[in-house]
């Protein structure tokens, strides 16, 4: 019996010793920012992989064109009382099709005193244009800009205007769709969001086929436009940047380039501050003079060149939201959001 007990004890001690030697050593501590710790080969010796299972997979399809995805948020969408993502974009898309810097709201490209009062979305001729929100068609055809029906020299070409069923702060909202090749909607028609109202074209004053899209309130006027990028719901997982760029004395700066470089992917975006001319208006809350939509959520190094000096800060874009900054010349950047509006008591 003593011999059997000793033999069993010896076998147990041998097994425990073998297990102790077979234990995998503790992994090396990872230091944030040290990319060498994340190399696949550095883990190979520590945790060797077993033989992989063999699967027969179908041939993969084509790579997606981009990371753009239609929004999942309900429209209207607003996370704060001051935001107003009330509209869908007027062109169905599975990829980024937003304008370059000079063709955004407030851009200047025809003449120094003519500013852009909407956004131009480049799209092939014949692409369906859809109502960005429910409402009634109050213009359909030529002459929208000059307010002269049947004026086939009108710079907006064939165009549609919609008065929406909903408003903003008790004020009426309108959207404009210009440069169509064909108008499908008819005057007085009630349309729902997504209804086809026309086809993309290049009628009027254009440099190529696109849809010119505007947001107006409280009146349907060229001088009552606001930046559509602050009104159209962002794609899934993407957000919008708004800012107010000023000199050291608080005067807004025109045509200043704002550059964003994404931390992830290293992609660079550029937008310019609004031009003058009196036809562009800042948002009542953000009081911005620059805005950039369709930004994937994440961190961006934001750069402005002022008085021959480079100023930079980090801005985080959050999905479905507007991120905000101010720039005050030599004082640099401030990421504090605007204060909530205050209402004085009635006299």
C-alpha atoms as a PDB file:
ATOM      1  CA  UNK A   1       0.000   0.000   0.000  1.00  0.00           C
ATOM      2  CA  UNK A   2       2.804   2.444   0.917  1.00  0.00           C
ATOM      3  CA  UNK A   3       4.475   1.705  -2.440  1.00  0.00           C
ATOM      4  CA  UNK A   4       1.255   2.354  -4.407  1.00  0.00           C
ATOM      5  CA  UNK A   5       0.602   5.589  -2.494  1.00  0.00           C
ATOM      6  CA  UNK A   6       4.153   6.800  -3.130  1.00  0.00           C
ATOM      7  CA  UNK A   7       3.862   5.894  -6.833  1.00  0.00           C
ATOM      8  CA  UNK A   8       0.608   7.844  -7.170  1.00  0.00           C
ATOM      9  CA  UNK A   9       2.105  10.855  -5.388  1.00  0.00           C
ATOM     10  CA  UNK A  10       5.143  10.757  -7.717  1.00  0.00           C
ATOM     11  CA  UNK A  11       2.913  10.635 -10.829  1.00  0.00           C
ATOM     12  CA  UNK A  12       0.794  13.547  -9.539  1.00  0.00           C
ATOM     13  CA  UNK A  13       3.878  15.682  -8.815  1.00  0.00           C
ATOM     14  CA  UNK A  14       5.268  14.917 -12.299  1.00  0.00           C
ATOM     15  CA  UNK A  15       1.987  15.961 -13.969  1.00  0.00           C
ATOM     16  CA  UNK A  16       1.824  19.211 -12.020  1.00  0.00           C
ATOM     17  CA  UNK A  17       5.403  20.035 -12.924  1.00  0.00           C
ATOM     18  CA  UNK A  18       4.707  19.349 -16.609  1.00  0.00           C
ATOM     19  CA  UNK A  19       1.638  21.634 -16.527  1.00  0.00           C
ATOM     20  CA  UNK A  20       3.624  24.411 -14.895  1.00  0.00           C
ATOM     21  CA  UNK A  21       6.275  24.214 -17.629  1.00  0.00           C
ATOM     22  CA  UNK A  22       3.604  24.218 -20.346  1.00  0.00           C
ATOM     23  CA  UNK A  23       1.915  27.408 -19.150  1.00  0.00           C
ATOM     24  CA  UNK A  24       2.140  30.279 -21.616  1.00  0.00           C
ATOM     25  CA  UNK A  25       4.207  33.191 -20.270  1.00  0.00           C
ATOM     26  CA  UNK A  26       2.333  36.407 -19.485  1.00  0.00           C
ATOM     27  CA  UNK A  27       2.036  38.694 -22.540  1.00  0.00           C
ATOM     28  CA  UNK A  28       4.180  41.815 -22.733  1.00  0.00           C
ATOM     29  CA  UNK A  29       2.473  44.938 -21.414  1.00  0.00           C
ATOM     30  CA  UNK A  30       1.231  47.097 -24.286  1.00  0.00           C
ATOM     31  CA  UNK A  31       2.169  50.787 -24.234  1.00  0.00           C
ATOM     32  CA  UNK A  32      -0.387  53.075 -25.875  1.00  0.00           C
ATOM     33  CA  UNK A  33       1.094  54.647 -28.971  1.00  0.00           C
ATOM     34  CA  UNK A  34       3.826  52.015 -29.414  1.00  0.00           C
ATOM     35  CA  UNK A  35       2.775  50.451 -32.713  1.00  0.00           C
ATOM     36  CA  UNK A  36       5.485  47.773 -32.480  1.00  0.00           C
ATOM     37  CA  UNK A  37       3.436  46.073 -29.754  1.00  0.00           C
ATOM     38  CA  UNK A  38       0.624  45.541 -32.263  1.00  0.00           C
ATOM     39  CA  UNK A  39       2.611  43.761 -34.962  1.00  0.00           C
ATOM     40  CA  UNK A  40       1.122  40.342 -35.709  1.00  0.00           C
ATOM     41  CA  UNK A  41       4.551  38.656 -35.606  1.00  0.00           C
ATOM     42  CA  UNK A  42       5.099  39.799 -32.016  1.00  0.00           C
ATOM     43  CA  UNK A  43       2.200  37.609 -30.892  1.00  0.00           C
ATOM     44  CA  UNK A  44       2.975  34.583 -33.036  1.00  0.00           C
ATOM     45  CA  UNK A  45       5.476  33.046 -30.615  1.00  0.00           C
ATOM     46  CA  UNK A  46       3.287  33.699 -27.576  1.00  0.00           C
ATOM     47  CA  UNK A  47       0.042  32.230 -28.857  1.00  0.00           C
ATOM     48  CA  UNK A  48       0.590  29.903 -31.813  1.00  0.00           C
ATOM     49  CA  UNK A  49      -2.564  29.283 -33.808  1.00  0.00           C
ATOM     50  CA  UNK A  50      -3.947  25.779 -34.326  1.00  0.00           C
ATOM     51  CA  UNK A  51      -4.413  24.407 -37.792  1.00  0.00           C
ATOM     52  CA  UNK A  52      -7.264  26.362 -39.358  1.00  0.00           C
ATOM     53  CA  UNK A  53     -10.509  24.719 -40.298  1.00  0.00           C
ATOM     54  CA  UNK A  54     -11.061  24.379 -44.014  1.00  0.00           C
ATOM     55  CA  UNK A  55     -14.149  26.112 -45.424  1.00  0.00           C
ATOM     56  CA  UNK A  56     -15.298  26.506 -48.986  1.00  0.00           C
ATOM     57  CA  UNK A  57     -16.345  30.164 -49.326  1.00  0.00           C
ATOM     58  CA  UNK A  58     -18.136  31.730 -52.290  1.00  0.00           C
ATOM     59  CA  UNK A  59     -16.220  34.142 -54.479  1.00  0.00           C
ATOM     60  CA  UNK A  60     -16.481  37.599 -52.850  1.00  0.00           C
ATOM     61  CA  UNK A  61     -18.403  40.293 -54.676  1.00  0.00           C
ATOM     62  CA  UNK A  62     -17.163  43.733 -55.635  1.00  0.00           C
ATOM     63  CA  UNK A  63     -15.822  45.952 -52.886  1.00  0.00           C
ATOM     64  CA  UNK A  64     -18.287  48.621 -51.706  1.00  0.00           C
ATOM     65  CA  UNK A  65     -17.742  51.998 -53.364  1.00  0.00           C
ATOM     66  CA  UNK A  66     -17.371  53.810 -50.042  1.00  0.00           C
ATOM     67  CA  UNK A  67     -18.283  53.757 -46.365  1.00  0.00           C
ATOM     68  CA  UNK A  68     -21.342  55.915 -47.049  1.00  0.00           C
ATOM     69  CA  UNK A  69     -24.520  54.416 -45.691  1.00  0.00           C
ATOM     70  CA  UNK A  70     -28.047  55.881 -45.710  1.00  0.00           C
ATOM     71  CA  UNK A  71     -29.087  57.264 -42.315  1.00  0.00           C
ATOM     72  CA  UNK A  72     -30.947  54.980 -39.934  1.00  0.00           C
ATOM     73  CA  UNK A  73     -32.178  57.910 -37.886  1.00  0.00           C
ATOM     74  CA  UNK A  74     -35.816  58.914 -38.251  1.00  0.00           C
ATOM     75  CA  UNK A  75     -36.371  62.171 -40.086  1.00  0.00           C
ATOM     76  CA  UNK A  76     -36.861  64.773 -38.665  1.00  0.00           C
ATOM     77  CA  UNK A  77     -33.878  64.048 -36.403  1.00  0.00           C
ATOM     78  CA  UNK A  78     -32.500  66.344 -33.692  1.00  0.00           C
ATOM     79  CA  UNK A  79     -30.512  65.431 -30.586  1.00  0.00           C
ATOM     80  CA  UNK A  80     -30.729  68.935 -29.128  1.00  0.00           C
ATOM     81  CA  UNK A  81     -33.378  71.667 -29.201  1.00  0.00           C
ATOM     82  CA  UNK A  82     -31.048  73.711 -31.421  1.00  0.00           C
ATOM     83  CA  UNK A  83     -30.408  71.165 -34.192  1.00  0.00           C
ATOM     84  CA  UNK A  84     -32.683  70.526 -37.163  1.00  0.00           C
ATOM     85  CA  UNK A  85     -31.874  67.527 -39.338  1.00  0.00           C
ATOM     86  CA  UNK A  86     -35.299  67.773 -40.921  1.00  0.00           C
ATOM     87  CA  UNK A  87     -34.587  66.680 -44.503  1.00  0.00           C
ATOM     88  CA  UNK A  88     -33.308  63.703 -46.430  1.00  0.00           C
ATOM     89  CA  UNK A  89     -30.932  64.308 -49.315  1.00  0.00           C
ATOM     90  CA  UNK A  90     -32.649  64.803 -52.676  1.00  0.00           C
ATOM     91  CA  UNK A  91     -30.528  62.189 -54.472  1.00  0.00           C
ATOM     92  CA  UNK A  92     -30.486  58.493 -53.548  1.00  0.00           C
ATOM     93  CA  UNK A  93     -26.867  57.447 -53.048  1.00  0.00           C
ATOM     94  CA  UNK A  94     -24.698  54.501 -52.029  1.00  0.00           C
ATOM     95  CA  UNK A  95     -21.561  56.632 -51.993  1.00  0.00           C
ATOM     96  CA  UNK A  96     -20.360  60.112 -51.125  1.00  0.00           C
ATOM     97  CA  UNK A  97     -21.770  62.530 -53.684  1.00  0.00           C
ATOM     98  CA  UNK A  98     -21.442  65.790 -51.807  1.00  0.00           C
ATOM     99  CA  UNK A  99     -19.935  68.938 -53.396  1.00  0.00           C
ATOM    100  CA  UNK A 100     -16.348  70.171 -53.447  1.00  0.00           C
ATOM    101  CA  UNK A 101     -15.399  73.267 -51.448  1.00  0.00           C
ATOM    102  CA  UNK A 102     -16.351  76.017 -53.924  1.00  0.00           C
ATOM    103  CA  UNK A 103     -19.767  74.485 -54.621  1.00  0.00           C
ATOM    104  CA  UNK A 104     -20.896  74.410 -51.016  1.00  0.00           C
ATOM    105  CA  UNK A 105     -23.071  76.989 -49.317  1.00  0.00           C
ATOM    106  CA  UNK A 106     -21.409  80.421 -49.272  1.00  0.00           C
ATOM    107  CA  UNK A 107     -18.886  79.520 -51.985  1.00  0.00           C
ATOM    108  CA  UNK A 108     -17.794  82.065 -54.587  1.00  0.00           C
ATOM    109  CA  UNK A 109     -17.065  80.852 -58.104  1.00  0.00           C
ATOM    110  CA  UNK A 110     -18.886  82.999 -60.706  1.00  0.00           C
ATOM    111  CA  UNK A 111     -17.830  86.444 -59.420  1.00  0.00           C
ATOM    112  CA  UNK A 112     -16.516  87.897 -56.136  1.00  0.00           C
ATOM    113  CA  UNK A 113     -19.900  89.401 -55.260  1.00  0.00           C
ATOM    114  CA  UNK A 114     -21.993  86.335 -56.163  1.00  0.00           C
ATOM    115  CA  UNK A 115     -22.182  83.714 -53.423  1.00  0.00           C
ATOM    116  CA  UNK A 116     -23.658  80.246 -53.576  1.00  0.00           C
ATOM    117  CA  UNK A 117     -26.960  79.962 -51.706  1.00  0.00           C
ATOM    118  CA  UNK A 118     -27.198  76.160 -51.701  1.00  0.00           C
ATOM    119  CA  UNK A 119     -25.193  73.015 -52.314  1.00  0.00           C
ATOM    120  CA  UNK A 120     -24.543  71.492 -55.735  1.00  0.00           C
ATOM    121  CA  UNK A 121     -24.714  67.690 -55.828  1.00  0.00           C
ATOM    122  CA  UNK A 122     -22.987  66.375 -58.982  1.00  0.00           C
ATOM    123  CA  UNK A 123     -25.093  63.586 -60.504  1.00  0.00           C
ATOM    124  CA  UNK A 124     -25.574  62.143 -64.030  1.00  0.00           C
ATOM    125  CA  UNK A 125     -28.314  63.579 -66.212  1.00  0.00           C
ATOM    126  CA  UNK A 126     -31.601  61.754 -65.746  1.00  0.00           C
ATOM    127  CA  UNK A 127     -30.998  60.744 -62.115  1.00  0.00           C
ATOM    128  CA  UNK A 128     -34.278  61.005 -60.146  1.00  0.00           C
ATOM    129  CA  UNK A 129     -34.597  63.968 -57.779  1.00  0.00           C
ATOM    130  CA  UNK A 130     -36.692  63.296 -54.678  1.00  0.00           C
ATOM    131  CA  UNK A 131     -38.585  65.520 -52.284  1.00  0.00           C
ATOM    132  CA  UNK A 132     -36.486  66.059 -49.152  1.00  0.00           C
ATOM    133  CA  UNK A 133     -39.589  66.383 -47.008  1.00  0.00           C
ATOM    134  CA  UNK A 134     -43.378  66.311 -47.190  1.00  0.00           C
ATOM    135  CA  UNK A 135     -45.077  69.421 -48.510  1.00  0.00           C
ATOM    136  CA  UNK A 136     -46.845  71.211 -51.341  1.00  0.00           C
ATOM    137  CA  UNK A 137     -45.247  72.102 -54.684  1.00  0.00           C
ATOM    138  CA  UNK A 138     -45.475  75.909 -55.062  1.00  0.00           C
ATOM    139  CA  UNK A 139     -43.273  76.226 -58.169  1.00  0.00           C
ATOM    140  CA  UNK A 140     -42.674  73.801 -61.032  1.00  0.00           C
ATOM    141  CA  UNK A 141     -40.892  74.893 -64.223  1.00  0.00           C
ATOM    142  CA  UNK A 142     -38.886  77.857 -65.508  1.00  0.00           C
ATOM    143  CA  UNK A 143     -38.387  81.238 -63.844  1.00  0.00           C
ATOM    144  CA  UNK A 144     -37.958  80.426 -60.142  1.00  0.00           C
ATOM    145  CA  UNK A 145     -34.959  82.727 -59.562  1.00  0.00           C
ATOM    146  CA  UNK A 146     -36.378  85.687 -61.494  1.00  0.00           C
ATOM    147  CA  UNK A 147     -39.929  84.894 -60.339  1.00  0.00           C
ATOM    148  CA  UNK A 148     -40.983  85.105 -63.981  1.00  0.00           C
ATOM    149  CA  UNK A 149     -42.911  82.007 -65.102  1.00  0.00           C
ATOM    150  CA  UNK A 150     -41.810  80.503 -68.435  1.00  0.00           C
ATOM    151  CA  UNK A 151     -38.537  82.514 -68.448  1.00  0.00           C
ATOM    152  CA  UNK A 152     -36.293  79.961 -70.176  1.00  0.00           C
ATOM    153  CA  UNK A 153     -33.246  82.201 -69.504  1.00  0.00           C
ATOM    154  CA  UNK A 154     -33.652  81.870 -65.746  1.00  0.00           C
ATOM    155  CA  UNK A 155     -30.309  80.903 -64.100  1.00  0.00           C
ATOM    156  CA  UNK A 156     -32.029  78.168 -62.054  1.00  0.00           C
ATOM    157  CA  UNK A 157     -33.326  76.509 -65.216  1.00  0.00           C
ATOM    158  CA  UNK A 158     -36.150  74.052 -64.685  1.00  0.00           C
ATOM    159  CA  UNK A 159     -36.798  74.049 -60.956  1.00  0.00           C
ATOM    160  CA  UNK A 160     -39.194  72.988 -58.192  1.00  0.00           C
ATOM    161  CA  UNK A 161     -39.978  74.704 -54.886  1.00  0.00           C
ATOM    162  CA  UNK A 162     -41.725  72.914 -51.998  1.00  0.00           C
ATOM    163  CA  UNK A 163     -43.455  74.535 -49.023  1.00  0.00           C
ATOM    164  CA  UNK A 164     -43.186  71.963 -46.240  1.00  0.00           C
ATOM    165  CA  UNK A 165     -45.864  70.679 -43.913  1.00  0.00           C
ATOM    166  CA  UNK A 166     -43.613  71.431 -40.937  1.00  0.00           C
ATOM    167  CA  UNK A 167     -41.672  74.528 -39.909  1.00  0.00           C
ATOM    168  CA  UNK A 168     -38.861  75.673 -37.626  1.00  0.00           C
ATOM    169  CA  UNK A 169     -39.502  77.837 -34.553  1.00  0.00           C
ATOM    170  CA  UNK A 170     -42.971  78.643 -35.903  1.00  0.00           C
ATOM    171  CA  UNK A 171     -41.495  79.763 -39.224  1.00  0.00           C
ATOM    172  CA  UNK A 172     -42.291  78.326 -42.661  1.00  0.00           C
ATOM    173  CA  UNK A 173     -39.702  76.091 -44.366  1.00  0.00           C
ATOM    174  CA  UNK A 174     -39.056  75.727 -48.115  1.00  0.00           C
ATOM    175  CA  UNK A 175     -36.667  73.642 -50.222  1.00  0.00           C
ATOM    176  CA  UNK A 176     -35.497  74.388 -53.784  1.00  0.00           C
ATOM    177  CA  UNK A 177     -34.348  71.935 -56.490  1.00  0.00           C
ATOM    178  CA  UNK A 178     -32.807  73.542 -59.596  1.00  0.00           C
ATOM    179  CA  UNK A 179     -31.255  72.747 -63.027  1.00  0.00           C
ATOM    180  CA  UNK A 180     -33.570  69.836 -63.855  1.00  0.00           C
ATOM    181  CA  UNK A 181     -33.741  68.221 -67.269  1.00  0.00           C
ATOM    182  CA  UNK A 182     -37.404  67.406 -66.654  1.00  0.00           C
ATOM    183  CA  UNK A 183     -39.958  68.483 -64.061  1.00  0.00           C
ATOM    184  CA  UNK A 184     -42.255  65.673 -62.904  1.00  0.00           C
ATOM    185  CA  UNK A 185     -44.081  67.373 -60.028  1.00  0.00           C
ATOM    186  CA  UNK A 186     -46.969  69.712 -60.829  1.00  0.00           C
ATOM    187  CA  UNK A 187     -47.988  72.975 -59.223  1.00  0.00           C
ATOM    188  CA  UNK A 188     -50.184  72.427 -56.175  1.00  0.00           C
ATOM    189  CA  UNK A 189     -49.283  68.737 -55.814  1.00  0.00           C
ATOM    190  CA  UNK A 190     -48.749  67.362 -52.315  1.00  0.00           C
ATOM    191  CA  UNK A 191     -45.604  65.210 -52.117  1.00  0.00           C
ATOM    192  CA  UNK A 192     -44.210  62.918 -49.447  1.00  0.00           C
ATOM    193  CA  UNK A 193     -40.563  62.533 -48.548  1.00  0.00           C
ATOM    194  CA  UNK A 194     -38.832  60.490 -51.266  1.00  0.00           C
ATOM    195  CA  UNK A 195     -41.396  61.204 -53.997  1.00  0.00           C
ATOM    196  CA  UNK A 196     -39.867  61.772 -57.433  1.00  0.00           C
ATOM    197  CA  UNK A 197     -40.255  65.429 -58.429  1.00  0.00           C
ATOM    198  CA  UNK A 198     -37.891  65.685 -61.410  1.00  0.00           C
ATOM    199  CA  UNK A 199     -34.746  64.513 -63.170  1.00  0.00           C
ATOM    200  CA  UNK A 200     -31.189  65.861 -62.879  1.00  0.00           C
ATOM    201  CA  UNK A 201     -30.124  68.111 -65.744  1.00  0.00           C
ATOM    202  CA  UNK A 202     -27.975  71.095 -66.663  1.00  0.00           C
ATOM    203  CA  UNK A 203     -30.565  73.743 -67.546  1.00  0.00           C
ATOM    204  CA  UNK A 204     -29.913  77.328 -66.515  1.00  0.00           C
ATOM    205  CA  UNK A 205     -26.507  78.684 -65.452  1.00  0.00           C
ATOM    206  CA  UNK A 206     -24.493  75.512 -64.849  1.00  0.00           C
ATOM    207  CA  UNK A 207     -21.062  74.044 -65.507  1.00  0.00           C
ATOM    208  CA  UNK A 208     -22.386  70.473 -65.700  1.00  0.00           C
ATOM    209  CA  UNK A 209     -25.239  68.198 -64.610  1.00  0.00           C
ATOM    210  CA  UNK A 210     -26.152  68.471 -60.934  1.00  0.00           C
ATOM    211  CA  UNK A 211     -28.993  69.365 -58.589  1.00  0.00           C
ATOM    212  CA  UNK A 212     -28.791  72.690 -56.775  1.00  0.00           C
ATOM    213  CA  UNK A 213     -30.494  72.284 -53.385  1.00  0.00           C
ATOM    214  CA  UNK A 214     -31.520  75.093 -51.028  1.00  0.00           C
ATOM    215  CA  UNK A 215     -33.202  75.449 -47.631  1.00  0.00           C
ATOM    216  CA  UNK A 216     -35.146  78.682 -47.073  1.00  0.00           C
ATOM    217  CA  UNK A 217     -37.088  80.233 -44.187  1.00  0.00           C
ATOM    218  CA  UNK A 218     -39.200  82.096 -43.201  1.00  0.00           C
ATOM    219  CA  UNK A 219     -39.833  83.316 -46.764  1.00  0.00           C
ATOM    220  CA  UNK A 220     -39.313  81.706 -50.170  1.00  0.00           C
ATOM    221  CA  UNK A 221     -36.617  84.219 -51.127  1.00  0.00           C
ATOM    222  CA  UNK A 222     -33.066  84.152 -52.502  1.00  0.00           C
ATOM    223  CA  UNK A 223     -32.049  86.217 -49.456  1.00  0.00           C
ATOM    224  CA  UNK A 224     -33.527  83.815 -46.895  1.00  0.00           C
ATOM    225  CA  UNK A 225     -31.332  80.757 -47.452  1.00  0.00           C
ATOM    226  CA  UNK A 226     -29.459  78.687 -44.863  1.00  0.00           C
ATOM    227  CA  UNK A 227     -26.764  76.039 -45.162  1.00  0.00           C
ATOM    228  CA  UNK A 228     -28.426  72.737 -46.202  1.00  0.00           C
ATOM    229  CA  UNK A 229     -25.599  70.730 -44.613  1.00  0.00           C
ATOM    230  CA  UNK A 230     -27.004  71.709 -41.202  1.00  0.00           C
ATOM    231  CA  UNK A 231     -30.508  70.558 -42.231  1.00  0.00           C
ATOM    232  CA  UNK A 232     -29.968  67.228 -44.024  1.00  0.00           C
ATOM    233  CA  UNK A 233     -29.737  64.165 -41.777  1.00  0.00           C
ATOM    234  CA  UNK A 234     -26.163  62.747 -41.918  1.00  0.00           C
ATOM    235  CA  UNK A 235     -25.348  59.280 -43.246  1.00  0.00           C
ATOM    236  CA  UNK A 236     -25.233  56.410 -40.764  1.00  0.00           C
ATOM    237  CA  UNK A 237     -22.321  56.871 -38.362  1.00  0.00           C
ATOM    238  CA  UNK A 238     -21.338  60.264 -39.786  1.00  0.00           C
ATOM    239  CA  UNK A 239     -21.636  63.827 -38.496  1.00  0.00           C
ATOM    240  CA  UNK A 240     -21.264  67.525 -39.322  1.00  0.00           C
ATOM    241  CA  UNK A 241     -18.791  70.244 -38.327  1.00  0.00           C
ATOM    242  CA  UNK A 242     -19.827  73.878 -37.936  1.00  0.00           C
ATOM    243  CA  UNK A 243     -17.572  76.750 -36.963  1.00  0.00           C
ATOM    244  CA  UNK A 244     -17.191  80.485 -36.695  1.00  0.00           C
ATOM    245  CA  UNK A 245     -13.835  81.743 -38.000  1.00  0.00           C
ATOM    246  CA  UNK A 246     -12.830  85.267 -36.935  1.00  0.00           C
ATOM    247  CA  UNK A 247      -9.772  87.459 -36.591  1.00  0.00           C
ATOM    248  CA  UNK A 248      -8.398  88.515 -33.203  1.00  0.00           C
ATOM    249  CA  UNK A 249     -10.950  91.356 -32.969  1.00  0.00           C
ATOM    250  CA  UNK A 250     -13.966  89.114 -33.605  1.00  0.00           C
ATOM    251  CA  UNK A 251     -14.550  90.020 -37.266  1.00  0.00           C
ATOM    252  CA  UNK A 252     -15.608  87.053 -39.399  1.00  0.00           C
ATOM    253  CA  UNK A 253     -13.150  86.004 -42.103  1.00  0.00           C
ATOM    254  CA  UNK A 254     -14.226  85.213 -45.672  1.00  0.00           C
ATOM    255  CA  UNK A 255     -12.809  82.567 -48.045  1.00  0.00           C
ATOM    256  CA  UNK A 256     -10.474  81.110 -45.380  1.00  0.00           C
ATOM    257  CA  UNK A 257      -9.557  77.452 -45.851  1.00  0.00           C
ATOM    258  CA  UNK A 258     -10.254  75.051 -42.988  1.00  0.00           C
ATOM    259  CA  UNK A 259      -8.519  71.688 -43.372  1.00  0.00           C
ATOM    260  CA  UNK A 260      -9.411  68.492 -41.521  1.00  0.00           C
ATOM    261  CA  UNK A 261      -7.198  65.397 -41.446  1.00  0.00           C
ATOM    262  CA  UNK A 262      -8.769  62.220 -40.094  1.00  0.00           C
ATOM    263  CA  UNK A 263      -6.780  60.260 -37.520  1.00  0.00           C
ATOM    264  CA  UNK A 264      -8.206  57.020 -38.897  1.00  0.00           C
ATOM    265  CA  UNK A 265      -7.558  56.612 -42.590  1.00  0.00           C
ATOM    266  CA  UNK A 266      -5.585  59.891 -42.834  1.00  0.00           C
ATOM    267  CA  UNK A 267      -8.091  61.314 -45.335  1.00  0.00           C
ATOM    268  CA  UNK A 268      -8.017  65.102 -45.723  1.00  0.00           C
ATOM    269  CA  UNK A 269     -11.055  67.364 -46.150  1.00  0.00           C
ATOM    270  CA  UNK A 270     -11.116  71.073 -46.996  1.00  0.00           C
ATOM    271  CA  UNK A 271     -13.870  73.675 -46.764  1.00  0.00           C
ATOM    272  CA  UNK A 272     -13.875  77.477 -47.076  1.00  0.00           C
ATOM    273  CA  UNK A 273     -15.615  80.054 -44.916  1.00  0.00           C
ATOM    274  CA  UNK A 274     -18.603  81.808 -46.458  1.00  0.00           C
ATOM    275  CA  UNK A 275     -18.190  84.683 -48.881  1.00  0.00           C
ATOM    276  CA  UNK A 276     -19.944  88.038 -48.485  1.00  0.00           C
ATOM    277  CA  UNK A 277     -22.662  89.596 -50.586  1.00  0.00           C
ATOM    278  CA  UNK A 278     -25.576  89.485 -48.148  1.00  0.00           C
ATOM    279  CA  UNK A 279     -27.263  86.388 -49.593  1.00  0.00           C
ATOM    280  CA  UNK A 280     -25.987  83.847 -47.040  1.00  0.00           C
ATOM    281  CA  UNK A 281     -27.191  83.578 -43.476  1.00  0.00           C
ATOM    282  CA  UNK A 282     -25.717  81.862 -40.400  1.00  0.00           C
ATOM    283  CA  UNK A 283     -27.778  79.427 -38.379  1.00  0.00           C
ATOM    284  CA  UNK A 284     -29.727  81.182 -35.597  1.00  0.00           C
ATOM    285  CA  UNK A 285     -28.003  79.064 -32.940  1.00  0.00           C
ATOM    286  CA  UNK A 286     -24.542  78.217 -34.289  1.00  0.00           C
ATOM    287  CA  UNK A 287     -23.950  81.606 -35.944  1.00  0.00           C
ATOM    288  CA  UNK A 288     -21.435  79.781 -38.158  1.00  0.00           C
ATOM    289  CA  UNK A 289     -19.571  80.972 -41.229  1.00  0.00           C
ATOM    290  CA  UNK A 290     -18.285  77.524 -42.207  1.00  0.00           C
ATOM    291  CA  UNK A 291     -19.842  74.059 -42.213  1.00  0.00           C
ATOM    292  CA  UNK A 292     -18.784  70.654 -43.494  1.00  0.00           C
ATOM    293  CA  UNK A 293     -21.084  67.643 -43.643  1.00  0.00           C
ATOM    294  CA  UNK A 294     -20.568  63.974 -44.493  1.00  0.00           C
ATOM    295  CA  UNK A 295     -17.694  63.403 -42.053  1.00  0.00           C
ATOM    296  CA  UNK A 296     -17.185  59.865 -40.691  1.00  0.00           C
ATOM    297  CA  UNK A 297     -17.247  59.885 -36.883  1.00  0.00           C
ATOM    298  CA  UNK A 298     -13.811  60.151 -35.284  1.00  0.00           C
ATOM    299  CA  UNK A 299     -11.043  62.603 -34.423  1.00  0.00           C
ATOM    300  CA  UNK A 300      -9.719  65.172 -36.877  1.00  0.00           C
ATOM    301  CA  UNK A 301      -6.729  67.483 -36.766  1.00  0.00           C
ATOM    302  CA  UNK A 302      -8.219  70.829 -37.775  1.00  0.00           C
ATOM    303  CA  UNK A 303      -5.923  73.451 -39.301  1.00  0.00           C
ATOM    304  CA  UNK A 304      -6.308  77.152 -40.174  1.00  0.00           C
ATOM    305  CA  UNK A 305      -3.631  79.445 -41.616  1.00  0.00           C
ATOM    306  CA  UNK A 306      -3.988  82.940 -40.163  1.00  0.00           C
ATOM    307  CA  UNK A 307      -1.560  85.849 -40.560  1.00  0.00           C
ATOM    308  CA  UNK A 308       1.081  83.454 -41.978  1.00  0.00           C
ATOM    309  CA  UNK A 309       0.879  81.224 -38.883  1.00  0.00           C
ATOM    310  CA  UNK A 310      -0.606  77.735 -38.642  1.00  0.00           C
ATOM    311  CA  UNK A 311      -3.127  77.029 -35.875  1.00  0.00           C
ATOM    312  CA  UNK A 312      -4.331  73.512 -35.084  1.00  0.00           C
ATOM    313  CA  UNK A 313      -6.675  71.695 -32.754  1.00  0.00           C
ATOM    314  CA  UNK A 314      -8.348  68.297 -32.405  1.00  0.00           C
ATOM    315  CA  UNK A 315     -12.068  68.055 -33.135  1.00  0.00           C
ATOM    316  CA  UNK A 316     -14.228  64.989 -32.495  1.00  0.00           C
ATOM    317  CA  UNK A 317     -17.053  64.311 -34.951  1.00  0.00           C
ATOM    318  CA  UNK A 318     -19.925  62.390 -33.369  1.00  0.00           C
ATOM    319  CA  UNK A 319     -22.466  60.347 -35.366  1.00  0.00           C
ATOM    320  CA  UNK A 320     -25.738  62.101 -36.102  1.00  0.00           C
ATOM    321  CA  UNK A 321     -24.604  65.332 -34.438  1.00  0.00           C
ATOM    322  CA  UNK A 322     -23.083  68.747 -35.128  1.00  0.00           C
ATOM    323  CA  UNK A 323     -19.660  69.427 -33.635  1.00  0.00           C
ATOM    324  CA  UNK A 324     -18.714  73.081 -33.159  1.00  0.00           C
ATOM    325  CA  UNK A 325     -15.654  75.313 -32.848  1.00  0.00           C
ATOM    326  CA  UNK A 326     -14.732  78.981 -32.906  1.00  0.00           C
ATOM    327  CA  UNK A 327     -11.451  80.490 -34.073  1.00  0.00           C
ATOM    328  CA  UNK A 328     -10.322  83.934 -32.877  1.00  0.00           C
ATOM    329  CA  UNK A 329      -7.136  84.734 -34.756  1.00  0.00           C
ATOM    330  CA  UNK A 330      -4.128  84.852 -32.428  1.00  0.00           C
ATOM    331  CA  UNK A 331      -6.311  83.473 -29.608  1.00  0.00           C
ATOM    332  CA  UNK A 332      -6.668  80.210 -31.554  1.00  0.00           C
ATOM    333  CA  UNK A 333      -9.443  77.644 -31.263  1.00  0.00           C
ATOM    334  CA  UNK A 334     -12.223  77.198 -28.714  1.00  0.00           C
ATOM    335  CA  UNK A 335     -14.431  74.078 -28.716  1.00  0.00           C
ATOM    336  CA  UNK A 336     -17.054  75.457 -26.315  1.00  0.00           C
ATOM    337  CA  UNK A 337     -20.538  75.171 -27.862  1.00  0.00           C
ATOM    338  CA  UNK A 338     -22.651  78.306 -28.244  1.00  0.00           C
ATOM    339  CA  UNK A 339     -24.644  79.306 -25.178  1.00  0.00           C
ATOM    340  CA  UNK A 340     -28.321  78.472 -25.090  1.00  0.00           C
ATOM    341  CA  UNK A 341     -30.488  81.360 -26.308  1.00  0.00           C
ATOM    342  CA  UNK A 342     -31.984  83.520 -23.602  1.00  0.00           C
ATOM    343  CA  UNK A 343     -35.345  85.211 -23.808  1.00  0.00           C
ATOM    344  CA  UNK A 344     -35.918  88.522 -22.135  1.00  0.00           C
ATOM    345  CA  UNK A 345     -39.170  89.177 -20.358  1.00  0.00           C
ATOM    346  CA  UNK A 346     -41.816  91.088 -22.270  1.00  0.00           C
ATOM    347  CA  UNK A 347     -42.034  94.774 -21.266  1.00  0.00           C
END
